[in-house]
Amino acid sequence: MRLPRLIRFLKIIKVLKQIKILRKYRWYKRFMNKLKMNAGITRMITGIIVTIVVTHLMACFWYLSAKILDFNPDTWVYRKGLLDADPLTLYLWSLYWSV
């Protein structure tokens, strides 16, 4: 039962490694040279982007954890009374709890 979760976790790690590989591409270096930002600002922007991506992934996982259980009475969707809510509302709730 935990094997699919491990596989998904490994996929997340691959995505984060690809972000590191991005720094090696020429077009990325040219883009950063055109912006003429110092290394500190570049690291800060990269950190913000990584934080947003990881938060999004955690929100998706939070929603998926309820969906796997078919929104039974033990899930957060049922407890908050969001069974008939639209997907955007469910995403915003899961984003709130992942933050």
N, C-alpha and C. Protein backbone atom coordinates (compact mmCIF):
# COMPACT_ATOMS: atom_id res chain seq x y z
N MET A 1 0.82 -1.20 0.00
CA MET A 1 0.00 0.00 0.00
C MET A 1 0.86 1.26 0.00
N ARG A 2 2.02 1.22 0.62
CA ARG A 2 2.87 2.40 0.70
C ARG A 2 3.77 2.57 -0.52
N LEU A 3 3.87 1.53 -1.34
CA LEU A 3 4.75 1.59 -2.50
C LEU A 3 4.33 2.68 -3.49
N PRO A 4 3.04 2.86 -3.83
CA PRO A 4 2.68 3.97 -4.73
C PRO A 4 3.03 5.34 -4.15
N ARG A 5 2.92 5.49 -2.85
CA ARG A 5 3.29 6.77 -2.22
C ARG A 5 4.78 7.02 -2.37
N LEU A 6 5.58 5.97 -2.21
CA LEU A 6 7.02 6.10 -2.36
C LEU A 6 7.38 6.47 -3.79
N ILE A 7 6.70 5.89 -4.75
CA ILE A 7 6.96 6.20 -6.16
C ILE A 7 6.62 7.66 -6.44
N ARG A 8 5.49 8.15 -5.92
CA ARG A 8 5.13 9.55 -6.11
C ARG A 8 6.15 10.47 -5.45
N PHE A 9 6.63 10.10 -4.28
CA PHE A 9 7.64 10.90 -3.59
C PHE A 9 8.92 10.96 -4.40
N LEU A 10 9.31 9.86 -5.01
CA LEU A 10 10.50 9.85 -5.85
C LEU A 10 10.33 10.72 -7.09
N LYS A 11 9.11 10.78 -7.62
CA LYS A 11 8.85 11.67 -8.76
C LYS A 11 9.01 13.13 -8.35
N ILE A 12 8.58 13.47 -7.14
CA ILE A 12 8.73 14.84 -6.65
C ILE A 12 10.22 15.19 -6.53
N ILE A 13 11.00 14.25 -6.05
CA ILE A 13 12.44 14.48 -5.93
C ILE A 13 13.05 14.69 -7.31
N LYS A 14 12.60 13.96 -8.32
CA LYS A 14 13.11 14.14 -9.68
C LYS A 14 12.81 15.54 -10.20
N VAL A 15 11.61 16.05 -9.89
CA VAL A 15 11.25 17.41 -10.32
C VAL A 15 12.17 18.43 -9.67
N LEU A 16 12.46 18.25 -8.39
CA LEU A 16 13.35 19.19 -7.71
C LEU A 16 14.76 19.12 -8.27
N LYS A 17 15.22 17.93 -8.68
CA LYS A 17 16.54 17.80 -9.30
C LYS A 17 16.56 18.50 -10.65
N GLN A 18 15.46 18.46 -11.39
CA GLN A 18 15.41 19.12 -12.68
C GLN A 18 15.51 20.63 -12.54
N ILE A 19 15.02 21.16 -11.44
CA ILE A 19 15.16 22.60 -11.20
C ILE A 19 16.64 22.95 -11.05
N LYS A 20 17.40 22.08 -10.38
CA LYS A 20 18.83 22.32 -10.24
C LYS A 20 19.54 22.22 -11.59
N ILE A 21 19.09 21.30 -12.44
CA ILE A 21 19.69 21.13 -13.76
C ILE A 21 19.42 22.35 -14.63
N LEU A 22 18.31 23.03 -14.37
CA LEU A 22 17.93 24.20 -15.15
C LEU A 22 19.02 25.26 -15.16
N ARG A 23 19.77 25.36 -14.10
CA ARG A 23 20.81 26.39 -14.00
C ARG A 23 21.93 26.19 -15.01
N LYS A 24 22.07 24.99 -15.55
CA LYS A 24 23.15 24.70 -16.48
C LYS A 24 22.84 25.12 -17.91
N TYR A 25 21.60 25.40 -18.23
CA TYR A 25 21.24 25.72 -19.61
C TYR A 25 21.64 27.13 -19.98
N ARG A 26 22.01 27.28 -21.25
CA ARG A 26 22.47 28.59 -21.75
C ARG A 26 21.37 29.64 -21.69
N TRP A 27 20.14 29.28 -22.10
CA TRP A 27 19.09 30.28 -22.13
C TRP A 27 18.76 30.80 -20.74
N TYR A 28 18.91 29.94 -19.73
CA TYR A 28 18.67 30.36 -18.35
C TYR A 28 19.75 31.36 -17.92
N LYS A 29 20.99 31.08 -18.30
CA LYS A 29 22.09 31.99 -17.94
C LYS A 29 21.94 33.32 -18.66
N ARG A 30 21.55 33.28 -19.94
CA ARG A 30 21.35 34.54 -20.67
C ARG A 30 20.22 35.35 -20.06
N PHE A 31 19.15 34.68 -19.68
CA PHE A 31 18.03 35.37 -19.05
C PHE A 31 18.45 36.04 -17.76
N MET A 32 19.22 35.34 -16.93
CA MET A 32 19.68 35.92 -15.68
C MET A 32 20.68 37.04 -15.90
N ASN A 33 21.50 36.93 -16.94
CA ASN A 33 22.45 38.01 -17.25
C ASN A 33 21.72 39.25 -17.73
N LYS A 34 20.63 39.09 -18.47
CA LYS A 34 19.86 40.24 -18.92
C LYS A 34 19.18 40.95 -17.76
N LEU A 35 18.77 40.18 -16.77
CA LEU A 35 18.15 40.80 -15.60
C LEU A 35 19.17 41.53 -14.74
N LYS A 36 20.41 41.12 -14.81
CA LYS A 36 21.52 41.73 -14.07
C LYS A 36 21.22 41.82 -12.57
N MET A 37 20.86 40.70 -12.00
CA MET A 37 20.61 40.65 -10.57
C MET A 37 21.81 40.01 -9.89
N ASN A 38 22.04 40.40 -8.67
CA ASN A 38 23.14 39.76 -7.96
C ASN A 38 22.72 38.37 -7.49
N ALA A 39 23.65 37.60 -7.01
CA ALA A 39 23.40 36.21 -6.66
C ALA A 39 22.39 36.06 -5.52
N GLY A 40 22.39 36.99 -4.59
CA GLY A 40 21.46 36.91 -3.48
C GLY A 40 20.02 37.01 -3.92
N ILE A 41 19.74 37.94 -4.80
CA ILE A 41 18.37 38.11 -5.30
C ILE A 41 17.96 36.91 -6.13
N THR A 42 18.88 36.39 -6.93
CA THR A 42 18.59 35.20 -7.73
C THR A 42 18.26 34.02 -6.84
N ARG A 43 19.01 33.83 -5.78
CA ARG A 43 18.72 32.73 -4.84
C ARG A 43 17.39 32.94 -4.15
N MET A 44 17.07 34.18 -3.83
CA MET A 44 15.81 34.46 -3.17
C MET A 44 14.63 34.15 -4.09
N ILE A 45 14.71 34.56 -5.35
CA ILE A 45 13.64 34.29 -6.30
C ILE A 45 13.51 32.79 -6.54
N THR A 46 14.65 32.10 -6.67
CA THR A 46 14.62 30.65 -6.85
C THR A 46 13.99 29.99 -5.64
N GLY A 47 14.32 30.45 -4.45
CA GLY A 47 13.73 29.90 -3.23
C GLY A 47 12.23 30.10 -3.17
N ILE A 48 11.77 31.27 -3.60
CA ILE A 48 10.34 31.55 -3.62
C ILE A 48 9.62 30.62 -4.59
N ILE A 49 10.20 30.44 -5.77
CA ILE A 49 9.59 29.57 -6.77
C ILE A 49 9.53 28.13 -6.27
N VAL A 50 10.62 27.66 -5.68
CA VAL A 50 10.64 26.30 -5.15
C VAL A 50 9.61 26.15 -4.03
N THR A 51 9.47 27.16 -3.19
CA THR A 51 8.49 27.12 -2.10
C THR A 51 7.07 27.04 -2.66
N ILE A 52 6.79 27.80 -3.70
CA ILE A 52 5.46 27.77 -4.31
C ILE A 52 5.17 26.40 -4.91
N VAL A 53 6.16 25.83 -5.61
CA VAL A 53 5.96 24.52 -6.23
C VAL A 53 5.75 23.44 -5.16
N VAL A 54 6.56 23.45 -4.11
CA VAL A 54 6.42 22.45 -3.06
C VAL A 54 5.09 22.61 -2.32
N THR A 55 4.67 23.84 -2.08
CA THR A 55 3.38 24.08 -1.43
C THR A 55 2.24 23.57 -2.31
N HIS A 56 2.33 23.80 -3.61
CA HIS A 56 1.32 23.29 -4.54
C HIS A 56 1.27 21.76 -4.50
N LEU A 57 2.44 21.12 -4.51
CA LEU A 57 2.48 19.67 -4.47
C LEU A 57 1.90 19.13 -3.16
N MET A 58 2.18 19.79 -2.06
CA MET A 58 1.62 19.36 -0.78
C MET A 58 0.10 19.55 -0.75
N ALA A 59 -0.39 20.64 -1.36
CA ALA A 59 -1.84 20.85 -1.43
C ALA A 59 -2.49 19.76 -2.27
N CYS A 60 -1.85 19.38 -3.36
CA CYS A 60 -2.38 18.30 -4.18
C CYS A 60 -2.39 16.99 -3.41
N PHE A 61 -1.34 16.75 -2.65
CA PHE A 61 -1.28 15.54 -1.84
C PHE A 61 -2.34 15.56 -0.75
N TRP A 62 -2.58 16.71 -0.16
CA TRP A 62 -3.59 16.84 0.89
C TRP A 62 -4.98 16.51 0.33
N TYR A 63 -5.28 17.02 -0.87
CA TYR A 63 -6.55 16.71 -1.51
C TYR A 63 -6.61 15.24 -1.90
N LEU A 64 -5.51 14.71 -2.42
CA LEU A 64 -5.46 13.31 -2.84
C LEU A 64 -5.67 12.36 -1.67
N SER A 65 -5.18 12.74 -0.50
CA SER A 65 -5.36 11.88 0.67
C SER A 65 -6.84 11.72 1.02
N ALA A 66 -7.63 12.75 0.79
CA ALA A 66 -9.08 12.64 1.03
C ALA A 66 -9.77 11.91 -0.11
N LYS A 67 -9.30 12.14 -1.33
CA LYS A 67 -9.93 11.51 -2.49
C LYS A 67 -9.69 10.01 -2.51
N ILE A 68 -8.52 9.55 -2.08
CA ILE A 68 -8.23 8.12 -2.04
C ILE A 68 -9.22 7.40 -1.13
N LEU A 69 -9.64 8.04 -0.07
CA LEU A 69 -10.59 7.45 0.87
C LEU A 69 -12.04 7.71 0.47
N ASP A 70 -12.27 8.21 -0.74
CA ASP A 70 -13.61 8.49 -1.27
C ASP A 70 -14.41 9.45 -0.39
N PHE A 71 -13.74 10.40 0.21
CA PHE A 71 -14.36 11.43 1.03
C PHE A 71 -15.27 10.84 2.11
N ASN A 72 -14.80 9.80 2.76
CA ASN A 72 -15.60 9.19 3.83
C ASN A 72 -15.62 10.11 5.06
N PRO A 73 -16.41 9.81 6.07
CA PRO A 73 -16.55 10.71 7.23
C PRO A 73 -15.26 11.01 8.00
N ASP A 74 -14.20 10.24 7.76
CA ASP A 74 -12.94 10.51 8.46
C ASP A 74 -12.08 11.56 7.77
N THR A 75 -12.45 12.02 6.58
CA THR A 75 -11.61 12.95 5.83
C THR A 75 -11.96 14.39 6.15
N TRP A 76 -11.02 15.27 5.83
CA TRP A 76 -11.21 16.69 6.10
C TRP A 76 -12.30 17.29 5.22
N VAL A 77 -12.51 16.76 4.03
CA VAL A 77 -13.55 17.29 3.14
C VAL A 77 -14.93 17.07 3.75
N TYR A 78 -15.16 15.90 4.29
CA TYR A 78 -16.44 15.60 4.92
C TYR A 78 -16.63 16.42 6.19
N ARG A 79 -15.57 16.50 7.00
CA ARG A 79 -15.69 17.22 8.28
C ARG A 79 -15.95 18.70 8.09
N LYS A 80 -15.43 19.29 7.03
CA LYS A 80 -15.65 20.72 6.76
C LYS A 80 -16.92 20.97 5.96
N GLY A 81 -17.62 19.91 5.56
CA GLY A 81 -18.86 20.07 4.80
C GLY A 81 -18.63 20.53 3.38
N LEU A 82 -17.57 20.07 2.77
CA LEU A 82 -17.21 20.51 1.42
C LEU A 82 -17.45 19.43 0.37
N LEU A 83 -18.33 18.51 0.63
CA LEU A 83 -18.56 17.42 -0.33
C LEU A 83 -19.08 17.92 -1.67
N ASP A 84 -19.91 18.94 -1.68
CA ASP A 84 -20.48 19.46 -2.92
C ASP A 84 -19.76 20.71 -3.41
N ALA A 85 -18.59 21.00 -2.89
CA ALA A 85 -17.86 22.20 -3.28
C ALA A 85 -17.19 22.00 -4.63
N ASP A 86 -16.95 23.12 -5.32
CA ASP A 86 -16.27 23.04 -6.61
C ASP A 86 -14.77 22.77 -6.40
N PRO A 87 -14.07 22.32 -7.45
CA PRO A 87 -12.65 21.97 -7.30
C PRO A 87 -11.76 23.13 -6.84
N LEU A 88 -12.07 24.35 -7.26
CA LEU A 88 -11.27 25.49 -6.83
C LEU A 88 -11.35 25.69 -5.32
N THR A 89 -12.53 25.56 -4.76
CA THR A 89 -12.70 25.70 -3.32
C THR A 89 -11.94 24.61 -2.58
N LEU A 90 -12.02 23.39 -3.09
CA LEU A 90 -11.27 22.29 -2.45
C LEU A 90 -9.78 22.52 -2.54
N TYR A 91 -9.30 23.04 -3.69
CA TYR A 91 -7.87 23.32 -3.83
C TYR A 91 -7.44 24.43 -2.86
N LEU A 92 -8.24 25.47 -2.73
CA LEU A 92 -7.89 26.56 -1.82
C LEU A 92 -7.86 26.10 -0.37
N TRP A 93 -8.81 25.24 0.01
CA TRP A 93 -8.79 24.68 1.38
C TRP A 93 -7.54 23.83 1.59
N SER A 94 -7.22 23.00 0.61
CA SER A 94 -6.04 22.14 0.78
C SER A 94 -4.76 22.97 0.75
N LEU A 95 -4.74 24.04 -0.04
CA LEU A 95 -3.58 24.93 -0.05
C LEU A 95 -3.43 25.63 1.31
N TYR A 96 -4.55 26.04 1.88
CA TYR A 96 -4.52 26.67 3.20
C TYR A 96 -3.91 25.71 4.22
N TRP A 97 -4.37 24.47 4.24
CA TRP A 97 -3.86 23.52 5.23
C TRP A 97 -2.44 23.07 4.94
N SER A 98 -2.01 23.10 3.69
CA SER A 98 -0.63 22.73 3.39
C SER A 98 0.35 23.82 3.80
N VAL A 99 -0.12 25.07 3.77
CA VAL A 99 0.75 26.17 4.21
C VAL A 99 0.88 26.13 5.71
